[in-house]
Amino acid sequence: MDIKIIEENYQRMSDNELIRIATTDARGLRPEVFVIIENEIKKRNLNADILKGAIAQNKEYAIEEVEKYSTLLRDLPCPICGNTHDKLNGTISHTIKSFIIFTTYGTEPTIACPDCLDKKNNNAMLSTALLGWWGIPWGFFKTPIYIYRNYKAKQENRIDNSNTTLLSYTMSNIGEIETYKDDKEKLKEIIKPKKY
C-alpha cells in the first residue's frame, strides 16, 4: 500500500482508534508507519508513550524482559475479588457443553489471585463434567480432556513466579502494558475479565 494512503488513513482515525491500533494492533507494521503514528500523536497532543507501545509489539524479548513486564500485572489488586495480599497469576479455563447434536468448546484466560483462579478452574471442571458428555460423538471424547486441562492449569495457579499463562498474556498485551506501565488504573483495565 502506498505510504501516502496509509498516512491519510491514520489522519482520518479518531483518537481512540489510533490509540487502539498503536497499543494493540501494531505488530508487523512497516518502519515508515511508525513515523506516521509518531506525527499523529504529536499533532493530536496524545500521550507520547503510545508510540512506545507500538514499538514494543515489534521487538523480540528475552524471558527475563517478559517476566519484568508480568510483574507489573502481578502487583495489581485481583480484578475479581480485590485481594491485594497475593500476587496475581493467570489460568485458562476450558469448558465444553453438549446438547445432543452439537457441542460447544470454550477457553477463557483469566488474570487474578490464586483463590479466584482456582474457582475459575473448579467452575469450568464442574460445568464440563455436568454438561460436556451429552453431545454425540465429541462430547463423550472431549469432556475428559477438558477436565484434565483444567486440572493441569489449576496446578500452576499458586506457583511463586509468573506462570506460562501470565507470560503469554503479557506478551499478547505488551503494547498496552508498555504504554501504561506507569498508570495503575489503565493496567487494571488490561487484566479486567472480558465479557465474551
N, C-alpha and C. Protein backbone atom coordinates (compact mmCIF):
# COMPACT_ATOMS: atom_id res chain seq x y z
N MET A 1 0.84 -1.17 0.00
CA MET A 1 0.00 0.00 0.00
C MET A 1 0.89 1.24 0.00
N ASP A 2 0.51 2.23 -0.73
CA ASP A 2 1.26 3.47 -0.84
C ASP A 2 1.29 4.18 0.51
N ILE A 3 2.46 4.69 0.88
CA ILE A 3 2.64 5.33 2.19
C ILE A 3 1.76 6.55 2.36
N LYS A 4 1.46 7.26 1.26
CA LYS A 4 0.59 8.44 1.33
C LYS A 4 -0.83 8.03 1.71
N ILE A 5 -1.30 6.93 1.17
CA ILE A 5 -2.65 6.42 1.50
C ILE A 5 -2.69 6.01 2.97
N ILE A 6 -1.63 5.35 3.43
CA ILE A 6 -1.56 4.95 4.84
C ILE A 6 -1.61 6.18 5.74
N GLU A 7 -0.86 7.21 5.37
CA GLU A 7 -0.84 8.45 6.16
C GLU A 7 -2.23 9.08 6.21
N GLU A 8 -2.92 9.11 5.09
CA GLU A 8 -4.28 9.67 5.06
C GLU A 8 -5.24 8.86 5.92
N ASN A 9 -5.08 7.53 5.91
CA ASN A 9 -5.92 6.68 6.76
C ASN A 9 -5.72 7.00 8.23
N TYR A 10 -4.47 7.16 8.65
CA TYR A 10 -4.19 7.49 10.05
C TYR A 10 -4.71 8.88 10.40
N GLN A 11 -4.67 9.80 9.48
CA GLN A 11 -5.18 11.15 9.74
C GLN A 11 -6.69 11.15 9.96
N ARG A 12 -7.40 10.23 9.29
CA ARG A 12 -8.85 10.14 9.41
C ARG A 12 -9.31 9.42 10.68
N MET A 13 -8.42 8.69 11.32
CA MET A 13 -8.80 7.92 12.51
C MET A 13 -9.14 8.84 13.67
N SER A 14 -10.07 8.37 14.49
CA SER A 14 -10.34 9.08 15.74
C SER A 14 -9.16 8.83 16.69
N ASP A 15 -9.09 9.62 17.75
CA ASP A 15 -8.02 9.42 18.74
C ASP A 15 -8.07 8.01 19.32
N ASN A 16 -9.28 7.57 19.67
CA ASN A 16 -9.43 6.23 20.27
C ASN A 16 -8.99 5.13 19.31
N GLU A 17 -9.32 5.28 18.05
CA GLU A 17 -8.93 4.29 17.05
C GLU A 17 -7.41 4.26 16.87
N LEU A 18 -6.80 5.42 16.83
CA LEU A 18 -5.34 5.50 16.72
C LEU A 18 -4.66 4.86 17.93
N ILE A 19 -5.16 5.16 19.12
CA ILE A 19 -4.59 4.59 20.35
C ILE A 19 -4.75 3.08 20.35
N ARG A 20 -5.93 2.58 19.96
CA ARG A 20 -6.16 1.13 19.94
C ARG A 20 -5.20 0.44 18.99
N ILE A 21 -5.06 0.97 17.79
CA ILE A 21 -4.16 0.35 16.81
C ILE A 21 -2.72 0.39 17.30
N ALA A 22 -2.30 1.53 17.82
CA ALA A 22 -0.92 1.67 18.26
C ALA A 22 -0.59 0.79 19.46
N THR A 23 -1.55 0.58 20.36
CA THR A 23 -1.25 -0.18 21.58
C THR A 23 -1.59 -1.66 21.48
N THR A 24 -2.45 -2.05 20.53
CA THR A 24 -2.84 -3.46 20.48
C THR A 24 -2.65 -4.12 19.12
N ASP A 25 -2.63 -3.37 18.04
CA ASP A 25 -2.60 -3.97 16.69
C ASP A 25 -1.44 -3.48 15.83
N ALA A 26 -0.31 -3.17 16.45
CA ALA A 26 0.81 -2.61 15.68
C ALA A 26 1.84 -3.67 15.27
N ARG A 27 1.61 -4.91 15.64
CA ARG A 27 2.56 -5.98 15.31
C ARG A 27 2.70 -6.11 13.79
N GLY A 28 3.94 -6.03 13.31
CA GLY A 28 4.20 -6.23 11.89
C GLY A 28 4.09 -4.97 11.02
N LEU A 29 3.91 -3.82 11.64
CA LEU A 29 3.83 -2.59 10.85
C LEU A 29 5.17 -2.27 10.20
N ARG A 30 5.11 -1.68 9.03
CA ARG A 30 6.33 -1.26 8.34
C ARG A 30 6.99 -0.12 9.12
N PRO A 31 8.34 -0.04 9.10
CA PRO A 31 9.04 1.00 9.87
C PRO A 31 8.57 2.43 9.57
N GLU A 32 8.25 2.72 8.32
CA GLU A 32 7.83 4.08 7.99
C GLU A 32 6.47 4.44 8.58
N VAL A 33 5.68 3.45 8.95
CA VAL A 33 4.37 3.71 9.56
C VAL A 33 4.55 4.25 10.98
N PHE A 34 5.63 3.87 11.65
CA PHE A 34 5.88 4.39 12.99
C PHE A 34 6.09 5.90 12.97
N VAL A 35 6.69 6.40 11.92
CA VAL A 35 6.87 7.85 11.77
C VAL A 35 5.51 8.53 11.62
N ILE A 36 4.62 7.91 10.87
CA ILE A 36 3.27 8.45 10.69
C ILE A 36 2.54 8.47 12.03
N ILE A 37 2.63 7.36 12.77
CA ILE A 37 1.97 7.29 14.08
C ILE A 37 2.55 8.36 15.01
N GLU A 38 3.86 8.49 15.02
CA GLU A 38 4.51 9.48 15.88
C GLU A 38 4.02 10.89 15.53
N ASN A 39 3.94 11.21 14.24
CA ASN A 39 3.46 12.53 13.82
C ASN A 39 2.03 12.78 14.26
N GLU A 40 1.18 11.75 14.12
CA GLU A 40 -0.23 11.90 14.54
C GLU A 40 -0.34 12.09 16.04
N ILE A 41 0.47 11.37 16.81
CA ILE A 41 0.46 11.50 18.27
C ILE A 41 0.85 12.92 18.66
N LYS A 42 1.90 13.44 18.05
CA LYS A 42 2.35 14.81 18.35
C LYS A 42 1.31 15.84 17.93
N LYS A 43 0.76 15.66 16.73
CA LYS A 43 -0.22 16.61 16.21
C LYS A 43 -1.46 16.68 17.10
N ARG A 44 -1.85 15.55 17.67
CA ARG A 44 -3.07 15.49 18.48
C ARG A 44 -2.79 15.70 19.98
N ASN A 45 -1.53 15.90 20.35
CA ASN A 45 -1.13 16.05 21.76
C ASN A 45 -1.54 14.85 22.61
N LEU A 46 -1.35 13.66 22.07
CA LEU A 46 -1.64 12.43 22.81
C LEU A 46 -0.41 12.00 23.61
N ASN A 47 -0.61 11.07 24.50
CA ASN A 47 0.47 10.53 25.34
C ASN A 47 1.59 9.97 24.46
N ALA A 48 2.80 10.46 24.62
CA ALA A 48 3.93 10.02 23.81
C ALA A 48 4.25 8.53 24.01
N ASP A 49 3.85 7.97 25.14
CA ASP A 49 4.11 6.55 25.41
C ASP A 49 3.33 5.62 24.48
N ILE A 50 2.33 6.14 23.79
CA ILE A 50 1.57 5.33 22.84
C ILE A 50 2.49 4.79 21.75
N LEU A 51 3.42 5.59 21.29
CA LEU A 51 4.38 5.13 20.29
C LEU A 51 5.26 4.02 20.85
N LYS A 52 5.63 4.13 22.14
CA LYS A 52 6.43 3.07 22.78
C LYS A 52 5.66 1.75 22.75
N GLY A 53 4.35 1.82 22.93
CA GLY A 53 3.52 0.62 22.87
C GLY A 53 3.55 -0.03 21.50
N ALA A 54 3.51 0.80 20.47
CA ALA A 54 3.56 0.27 19.10
C ALA A 54 4.92 -0.38 18.82
N ILE A 55 5.97 0.28 19.25
CA ILE A 55 7.33 -0.25 19.04
C ILE A 55 7.52 -1.54 19.84
N ALA A 56 6.97 -1.57 21.07
CA ALA A 56 7.13 -2.75 21.93
C ALA A 56 6.56 -4.01 21.29
N GLN A 57 5.52 -3.88 20.49
CA GLN A 57 4.89 -5.04 19.84
C GLN A 57 5.75 -5.61 18.73
N ASN A 58 6.77 -4.90 18.33
CA ASN A 58 7.60 -5.32 17.21
C ASN A 58 9.03 -5.66 17.62
N LYS A 59 9.22 -5.92 18.90
CA LYS A 59 10.54 -6.29 19.41
C LYS A 59 10.56 -7.77 19.77
N GLU A 60 11.75 -8.32 19.82
CA GLU A 60 11.96 -9.66 20.36
C GLU A 60 12.32 -9.50 21.84
N TYR A 61 11.80 -10.37 22.68
CA TYR A 61 12.03 -10.25 24.12
C TYR A 61 12.67 -11.51 24.67
N ALA A 62 13.60 -11.31 25.60
CA ALA A 62 14.12 -12.42 26.40
C ALA A 62 13.09 -12.71 27.48
N ILE A 63 13.10 -13.92 28.00
CA ILE A 63 12.11 -14.31 29.01
C ILE A 63 12.19 -13.40 30.24
N GLU A 64 13.39 -12.93 30.58
CA GLU A 64 13.54 -12.05 31.74
C GLU A 64 12.81 -10.72 31.52
N GLU A 65 12.80 -10.24 30.30
CA GLU A 65 12.10 -8.99 30.00
C GLU A 65 10.58 -9.18 30.12
N VAL A 66 10.09 -10.30 29.63
CA VAL A 66 8.65 -10.60 29.72
C VAL A 66 8.25 -10.74 31.19
N GLU A 67 9.10 -11.41 31.98
CA GLU A 67 8.81 -11.55 33.41
C GLU A 67 8.77 -10.20 34.11
N LYS A 68 9.63 -9.28 33.69
CA LYS A 68 9.63 -7.93 34.28
C LYS A 68 8.29 -7.23 33.99
N TYR A 69 7.82 -7.34 32.76
CA TYR A 69 6.51 -6.76 32.42
C TYR A 69 5.39 -7.46 33.20
N SER A 70 5.48 -8.78 33.33
CA SER A 70 4.42 -9.51 34.04
C SER A 70 4.35 -9.12 35.51
N THR A 71 5.48 -8.71 36.08
CA THR A 71 5.50 -8.27 37.47
C THR A 71 4.62 -7.04 37.67
N LEU A 72 4.54 -6.19 36.67
CA LEU A 72 3.65 -5.02 36.75
C LEU A 72 2.21 -5.47 36.96
N LEU A 73 1.83 -6.58 36.30
CA LEU A 73 0.47 -7.11 36.44
C LEU A 73 0.30 -7.86 37.75
N ARG A 74 1.31 -8.61 38.16
CA ARG A 74 1.21 -9.42 39.37
C ARG A 74 1.01 -8.57 40.62
N ASP A 75 1.50 -7.34 40.61
CA ASP A 75 1.42 -6.47 41.79
C ASP A 75 0.09 -5.71 41.89
N LEU A 76 -0.80 -5.90 40.93
CA LEU A 76 -2.10 -5.22 40.96
C LEU A 76 -3.06 -5.95 41.89
N PRO A 77 -4.13 -5.28 42.34
CA PRO A 77 -5.16 -5.99 43.10
C PRO A 77 -5.91 -6.96 42.19
N CYS A 78 -6.43 -8.03 42.76
CA CYS A 78 -7.19 -9.01 41.98
C CYS A 78 -8.39 -8.32 41.34
N PRO A 79 -8.57 -8.47 40.02
CA PRO A 79 -9.69 -7.80 39.35
C PRO A 79 -11.05 -8.44 39.67
N ILE A 80 -11.04 -9.61 40.31
CA ILE A 80 -12.30 -10.29 40.62
C ILE A 80 -12.74 -10.00 42.06
N CYS A 81 -11.82 -10.21 43.03
CA CYS A 81 -12.20 -10.06 44.45
C CYS A 81 -11.56 -8.86 45.14
N GLY A 82 -10.57 -8.22 44.50
CA GLY A 82 -9.92 -7.06 45.09
C GLY A 82 -8.77 -7.39 46.04
N ASN A 83 -8.45 -8.67 46.22
CA ASN A 83 -7.36 -9.11 47.10
C ASN A 83 -6.06 -8.41 46.73
N THR A 84 -5.38 -7.85 47.73
CA THR A 84 -4.09 -7.20 47.49
C THR A 84 -2.94 -7.93 48.18
N HIS A 85 -3.24 -9.04 48.84
CA HIS A 85 -2.22 -9.77 49.60
C HIS A 85 -1.45 -10.77 48.76
N ASP A 86 -2.10 -11.38 47.79
CA ASP A 86 -1.46 -12.41 46.96
C ASP A 86 -1.06 -11.85 45.61
N LYS A 87 0.05 -12.34 45.09
CA LYS A 87 0.47 -11.96 43.74
C LYS A 87 -0.48 -12.60 42.73
N LEU A 88 -0.79 -11.87 41.68
CA LEU A 88 -1.67 -12.38 40.63
C LEU A 88 -0.91 -13.36 39.74
N ASN A 89 -1.65 -14.21 39.09
CA ASN A 89 -1.13 -15.11 38.08
C ASN A 89 -2.22 -15.33 37.04
N GLY A 90 -2.04 -16.27 36.16
CA GLY A 90 -3.03 -16.50 35.11
C GLY A 90 -3.45 -17.94 35.02
N THR A 91 -4.62 -18.16 34.45
CA THR A 91 -5.08 -19.51 34.15
C THR A 91 -5.93 -19.47 32.89
N ILE A 92 -6.10 -20.63 32.32
CA ILE A 92 -7.03 -20.80 31.21
C ILE A 92 -8.08 -21.78 31.70
N SER A 93 -9.34 -21.38 31.65
CA SER A 93 -10.42 -22.31 31.99
C SER A 93 -10.99 -22.86 30.68
N HIS A 94 -11.13 -24.16 30.64
CA HIS A 94 -11.60 -24.88 29.45
C HIS A 94 -12.98 -25.45 29.73
N THR A 95 -13.93 -25.15 28.86
CA THR A 95 -15.28 -25.69 29.04
C THR A 95 -15.78 -26.34 27.76
N ILE A 96 -16.63 -27.30 27.96
CA ILE A 96 -17.31 -27.95 26.85
C ILE A 96 -18.76 -28.15 27.28
N LYS A 97 -19.68 -27.82 26.40
CA LYS A 97 -21.11 -28.00 26.67
C LYS A 97 -21.71 -28.69 25.46
N SER A 98 -22.45 -29.74 25.72
CA SER A 98 -23.02 -30.53 24.64
C SER A 98 -24.54 -30.56 24.74
N PHE A 99 -25.16 -30.53 23.59
CA PHE A 99 -26.62 -30.58 23.50
C PHE A 99 -27.01 -31.54 22.39
N ILE A 100 -26.80 -32.78 22.59
CA ILE A 100 -27.09 -33.93 21.72
C ILE A 100 -26.48 -33.80 20.32
N ILE A 101 -26.96 -32.87 19.51
CA ILE A 101 -26.45 -32.83 18.14
C ILE A 101 -25.33 -31.82 17.92
N PHE A 102 -25.06 -30.98 18.92
CA PHE A 102 -23.92 -30.07 18.76
C PHE A 102 -23.21 -29.89 20.09
N THR A 103 -21.94 -29.54 19.96
CA THR A 103 -21.07 -29.36 21.12
C THR A 103 -20.32 -28.05 20.96
N THR A 104 -20.27 -27.25 22.04
CA THR A 104 -19.51 -26.00 22.01
C THR A 104 -18.30 -26.13 22.94
N TYR A 105 -17.21 -25.50 22.52
CA TYR A 105 -15.98 -25.52 23.30
C TYR A 105 -15.60 -24.10 23.62
N GLY A 106 -14.95 -23.90 24.75
CA GLY A 106 -14.51 -22.56 25.09
C GLY A 106 -13.25 -22.57 25.94
N THR A 107 -12.42 -21.59 25.72
CA THR A 107 -11.27 -21.35 26.57
C THR A 107 -11.28 -19.88 26.95
N GLU A 108 -10.99 -19.60 28.21
CA GLU A 108 -11.04 -18.23 28.68
C GLU A 108 -9.83 -17.95 29.56
N PRO A 109 -8.99 -16.99 29.16
CA PRO A 109 -7.87 -16.61 30.03
C PRO A 109 -8.36 -15.71 31.15
N THR A 110 -7.76 -15.87 32.32
CA THR A 110 -8.10 -15.04 33.47
C THR A 110 -6.82 -14.69 34.22
N ILE A 111 -6.70 -13.43 34.59
CA ILE A 111 -5.61 -12.98 35.44
C ILE A 111 -6.26 -12.58 36.77
N ALA A 112 -5.83 -13.22 37.84
CA ALA A 112 -6.44 -12.98 39.15
C ALA A 112 -5.57 -13.57 40.25
N CYS A 113 -6.04 -13.47 41.49
CA CYS A 113 -5.33 -14.07 42.62
C CYS A 113 -5.51 -15.59 42.57
N PRO A 114 -4.66 -16.34 43.26
CA PRO A 114 -4.74 -17.81 43.20
C PRO A 114 -6.11 -18.38 43.60
N ASP A 115 -6.77 -17.79 44.62
CA ASP A 115 -8.08 -18.30 45.03
C ASP A 115 -9.12 -18.14 43.91
N CYS A 116 -9.13 -16.99 43.26
CA CYS A 116 -10.08 -16.76 42.18
C CYS A 116 -9.76 -17.64 40.97
N LEU A 117 -8.47 -17.86 40.69
CA LEU A 117 -8.09 -18.74 39.59
C LEU A 117 -8.57 -20.16 39.86
N ASP A 118 -8.39 -20.62 41.11
CA ASP A 118 -8.87 -21.96 41.47
C ASP A 118 -10.38 -22.08 41.26
N LYS A 119 -11.12 -21.04 41.66
CA LYS A 119 -12.58 -21.05 41.48
C LYS A 119 -12.95 -21.13 39.99
N LYS A 120 -12.22 -20.36 39.15
CA LYS A 120 -12.49 -20.41 37.70
C LYS A 120 -12.29 -21.82 37.16
N ASN A 121 -11.17 -22.46 37.52
CA ASN A 121 -10.91 -23.81 37.04
C ASN A 121 -11.92 -24.81 37.62
N ASN A 122 -12.26 -24.68 38.90
CA ASN A 122 -13.24 -25.58 39.51
C ASN A 122 -14.61 -25.45 38.83
N ASN A 123 -15.03 -24.20 38.59
CA ASN A 123 -16.32 -23.98 37.92
C ASN A 123 -16.31 -24.56 36.50
N ALA A 124 -15.19 -24.39 35.80
CA ALA A 124 -15.09 -24.94 34.45
C ALA A 124 -15.13 -26.47 34.47
N MET A 125 -14.45 -27.08 35.46
CA MET A 125 -14.49 -28.55 35.57
C MET A 125 -15.90 -29.04 35.89
N LEU A 126 -16.57 -28.35 36.80
CA LEU A 126 -17.92 -28.75 37.17
C LEU A 126 -18.88 -28.61 35.99
N SER A 127 -18.84 -27.47 35.34
CA SER A 127 -19.68 -27.24 34.18
C SER A 127 -19.43 -28.29 33.10
N THR A 128 -18.17 -28.56 32.83
CA THR A 128 -17.81 -29.54 31.80
C THR A 128 -18.26 -30.93 32.21
N ALA A 129 -18.07 -31.27 33.49
CA ALA A 129 -18.47 -32.60 33.97
C ALA A 129 -19.98 -32.81 33.87
N LEU A 130 -20.75 -31.74 34.09
CA LEU A 130 -22.21 -31.87 34.05
C LEU A 130 -22.78 -31.76 32.64
N LEU A 131 -22.20 -30.89 31.81
CA LEU A 131 -22.80 -30.58 30.52
C LEU A 131 -22.01 -31.06 29.31
N GLY A 132 -20.82 -31.58 29.51
CA GLY A 132 -19.97 -31.92 28.39
C GLY A 132 -20.29 -33.23 27.71
N TRP A 133 -20.79 -34.19 28.42
CA TRP A 133 -20.93 -35.57 27.93
C TRP A 133 -22.02 -35.76 26.88
N TRP A 134 -22.97 -34.88 26.79
CA TRP A 134 -24.23 -35.17 26.11
C TRP A 134 -24.21 -35.01 24.60
N GLY A 135 -23.12 -34.62 24.02
CA GLY A 135 -23.05 -34.46 22.57
C GLY A 135 -22.46 -35.70 21.90
N ILE A 136 -23.03 -36.06 20.77
CA ILE A 136 -22.57 -37.25 20.04
C ILE A 136 -21.81 -36.78 18.81
N PRO A 137 -20.59 -37.20 18.57
CA PRO A 137 -19.73 -38.05 19.39
C PRO A 137 -18.73 -37.26 20.22
N TRP A 138 -18.56 -35.93 19.93
CA TRP A 138 -17.44 -35.19 20.51
C TRP A 138 -17.55 -34.96 22.00
N GLY A 139 -18.73 -34.78 22.51
CA GLY A 139 -18.88 -34.54 23.95
C GLY A 139 -18.30 -35.67 24.78
N PHE A 140 -18.57 -36.87 24.37
CA PHE A 140 -18.09 -38.04 25.12
C PHE A 140 -16.57 -38.11 25.12
N PHE A 141 -15.95 -37.81 23.99
CA PHE A 141 -14.50 -37.92 23.87
C PHE A 141 -13.76 -36.72 24.47
N LYS A 142 -14.30 -35.53 24.28
CA LYS A 142 -13.57 -34.32 24.69
C LYS A 142 -13.77 -33.93 26.15
N THR A 143 -14.85 -34.35 26.77
CA THR A 143 -15.11 -33.97 28.16
C THR A 143 -13.96 -34.35 29.10
N PRO A 144 -13.46 -35.58 29.08
CA PRO A 144 -12.35 -35.89 29.99
C PRO A 144 -11.09 -35.09 29.67
N ILE A 145 -10.88 -34.78 28.42
CA ILE A 145 -9.70 -33.98 28.03
C ILE A 145 -9.81 -32.58 28.62
N TYR A 146 -10.99 -31.97 28.55
CA TYR A 146 -11.16 -30.61 29.07
C TYR A 146 -11.10 -30.58 30.59
N ILE A 147 -11.61 -31.60 31.24
CA ILE A 147 -11.49 -31.68 32.70
C ILE A 147 -10.01 -31.77 33.08
N TYR A 148 -9.26 -32.58 32.37
CA TYR A 148 -7.83 -32.73 32.64
C TYR A 148 -7.08 -31.41 32.38
N ARG A 149 -7.43 -30.70 31.33
CA ARG A 149 -6.77 -29.41 31.05
C ARG A 149 -6.99 -28.41 32.18
N ASN A 150 -8.20 -28.39 32.74
CA ASN A 150 -8.46 -27.51 33.88
C ASN A 150 -7.65 -27.94 35.10
N TYR A 151 -7.57 -29.24 35.31
CA TYR A 151 -6.79 -29.76 36.43
C TYR A 151 -5.32 -29.34 36.30
N LYS A 152 -4.76 -29.48 35.09
CA LYS A 152 -3.36 -29.10 34.85
C LYS A 152 -3.16 -27.59 35.00
N ALA A 153 -4.09 -26.81 34.48
CA ALA A 153 -3.99 -25.35 34.60
C ALA A 153 -4.04 -24.93 36.07
N LYS A 154 -4.88 -25.58 36.84
CA LYS A 154 -5.04 -25.26 38.26
C LYS A 154 -3.74 -25.48 39.04
N GLN A 155 -2.94 -26.43 38.61
CA GLN A 155 -1.68 -26.71 39.30
C GLN A 155 -0.68 -25.56 39.20
N GLU A 156 -0.85 -24.66 38.24
CA GLU A 156 0.06 -23.52 38.09
C GLU A 156 -0.46 -22.25 38.76
N ASN A 157 -1.64 -22.31 39.35
CA ASN A 157 -2.25 -21.10 39.91
C ASN A 157 -1.50 -20.54 41.11
N ARG A 158 -0.78 -21.37 41.83
CA ARG A 158 -0.15 -20.93 43.08
C ARG A 158 1.37 -20.95 43.04
N ILE A 159 1.96 -21.03 41.86
CA ILE A 159 3.42 -21.01 41.81
C ILE A 159 3.94 -19.62 42.15
N ASP A 160 5.17 -19.54 42.63
CA ASP A 160 5.72 -18.28 43.14
C ASP A 160 6.05 -17.25 42.07
N ASN A 161 6.37 -17.70 40.87
CA ASN A 161 6.72 -16.76 39.81
C ASN A 161 5.61 -16.72 38.77
N SER A 162 5.79 -15.93 37.75
CA SER A 162 4.78 -15.82 36.68
C SER A 162 4.65 -17.15 35.96
N ASN A 163 3.43 -17.66 35.84
CA ASN A 163 3.24 -18.94 35.15
C ASN A 163 3.14 -18.71 33.64
N THR A 164 3.08 -19.79 32.90
CA THR A 164 3.09 -19.68 31.43
C THR A 164 1.89 -18.91 30.90
N THR A 165 0.75 -19.05 31.54
CA THR A 165 -0.44 -18.31 31.09
C THR A 165 -0.25 -16.82 31.25
N LEU A 166 0.29 -16.39 32.40
CA LEU A 166 0.51 -14.96 32.61
C LEU A 166 1.58 -14.43 31.66
N LEU A 167 2.63 -15.19 31.42
CA LEU A 167 3.67 -14.75 30.49
C LEU A 167 3.11 -14.61 29.07
N SER A 168 2.28 -15.55 28.67
CA SER A 168 1.66 -15.49 27.36
C SER A 168 0.72 -14.29 27.27
N TYR A 169 -0.07 -14.06 28.30
CA TYR A 169 -0.98 -12.92 28.35
C TYR A 169 -0.19 -11.61 28.28
N THR A 170 0.92 -11.57 28.99
CA THR A 170 1.78 -10.39 28.99
C THR A 170 2.28 -10.10 27.57
N MET A 171 2.77 -11.12 26.89
CA MET A 171 3.25 -10.92 25.52
C MET A 171 2.13 -10.48 24.58
N SER A 172 0.94 -11.03 24.77
CA SER A 172 -0.19 -10.65 23.92
C SER A 172 -0.62 -9.20 24.13
N ASN A 173 -0.33 -8.66 25.30
CA ASN A 173 -0.76 -7.30 25.64
C ASN A 173 0.42 -6.37 25.88
N ILE A 174 1.58 -6.72 25.34
CA ILE A 174 2.82 -5.98 25.62
C ILE A 174 2.74 -4.51 25.20
N GLY A 175 2.04 -4.22 24.13
CA GLY A 175 1.93 -2.83 23.69
C GLY A 175 1.19 -1.96 24.70
N GLU A 176 0.08 -2.46 25.20
CA GLU A 176 -0.68 -1.71 26.21
C GLU A 176 0.09 -1.62 27.52
N ILE A 177 0.74 -2.72 27.91
CA ILE A 177 1.49 -2.70 29.17
C ILE A 177 2.63 -1.69 29.10
N GLU A 178 3.35 -1.66 27.99
CA GLU A 178 4.44 -0.69 27.82
C GLU A 178 3.89 0.74 27.83
N THR A 179 2.80 0.96 27.15
CA THR A 179 2.21 2.30 27.08
C THR A 179 1.78 2.79 28.46
N TYR A 180 1.16 1.92 29.24
CA TYR A 180 0.56 2.33 30.51
C TYR A 180 1.29 1.79 31.74
N LYS A 181 2.57 1.46 31.61
CA LYS A 181 3.28 0.84 32.73
C LYS A 181 3.35 1.72 33.97
N ASP A 182 3.16 3.02 33.82
CA ASP A 182 3.18 3.92 34.98
C ASP A 182 1.78 4.35 35.41
N ASP A 183 0.76 3.73 34.84
CA ASP A 183 -0.64 4.09 35.14
C ASP A 183 -1.37 2.85 35.65
N LYS A 184 -1.46 2.72 36.98
CA LYS A 184 -2.07 1.52 37.58
C LYS A 184 -3.52 1.31 37.16
N GLU A 185 -4.26 2.39 37.01
CA GLU A 185 -5.67 2.27 36.63
C GLU A 185 -5.82 1.67 35.23
N LYS A 186 -4.97 2.09 34.31
CA LYS A 186 -5.01 1.53 32.95
C LYS A 186 -4.57 0.07 32.96
N LEU A 187 -3.56 -0.26 33.78
CA LEU A 187 -3.13 -1.66 33.88
C LEU A 187 -4.25 -2.54 34.43
N LYS A 188 -5.02 -2.01 35.36
CA LYS A 188 -6.17 -2.76 35.90
C LYS A 188 -7.18 -3.06 34.79
N GLU A 189 -7.35 -2.12 33.88
CA GLU A 189 -8.27 -2.33 32.75
C GLU A 189 -7.79 -3.46 31.85
N ILE A 190 -6.48 -3.56 31.68
CA ILE A 190 -5.91 -4.59 30.80
C ILE A 190 -6.21 -5.98 31.32
N ILE A 191 -6.18 -6.15 32.66
CA ILE A 191 -6.38 -7.50 33.23
C ILE A 191 -7.83 -7.79 33.61
N LYS A 192 -8.69 -6.79 33.50
CA LYS A 192 -10.10 -6.98 33.86
C LYS A 192 -10.70 -8.10 33.01
N PRO A 193 -11.46 -9.02 33.62
CA PRO A 193 -12.07 -10.12 32.84
C PRO A 193 -12.94 -9.57 31.70
N LYS A 194 -12.76 -10.16 30.53
CA LYS A 194 -13.50 -9.74 29.34
C LYS A 194 -14.82 -10.50 29.26
N LYS A 195 -15.83 -9.84 28.79
CA LYS A 195 -17.13 -10.49 28.57
C LYS A 195 -17.17 -11.01 27.14
N TYR A 196 -17.40 -12.29 26.99
CA TYR A 196 -17.44 -12.91 25.65
C TYR A 196 -18.87 -13.17 25.23
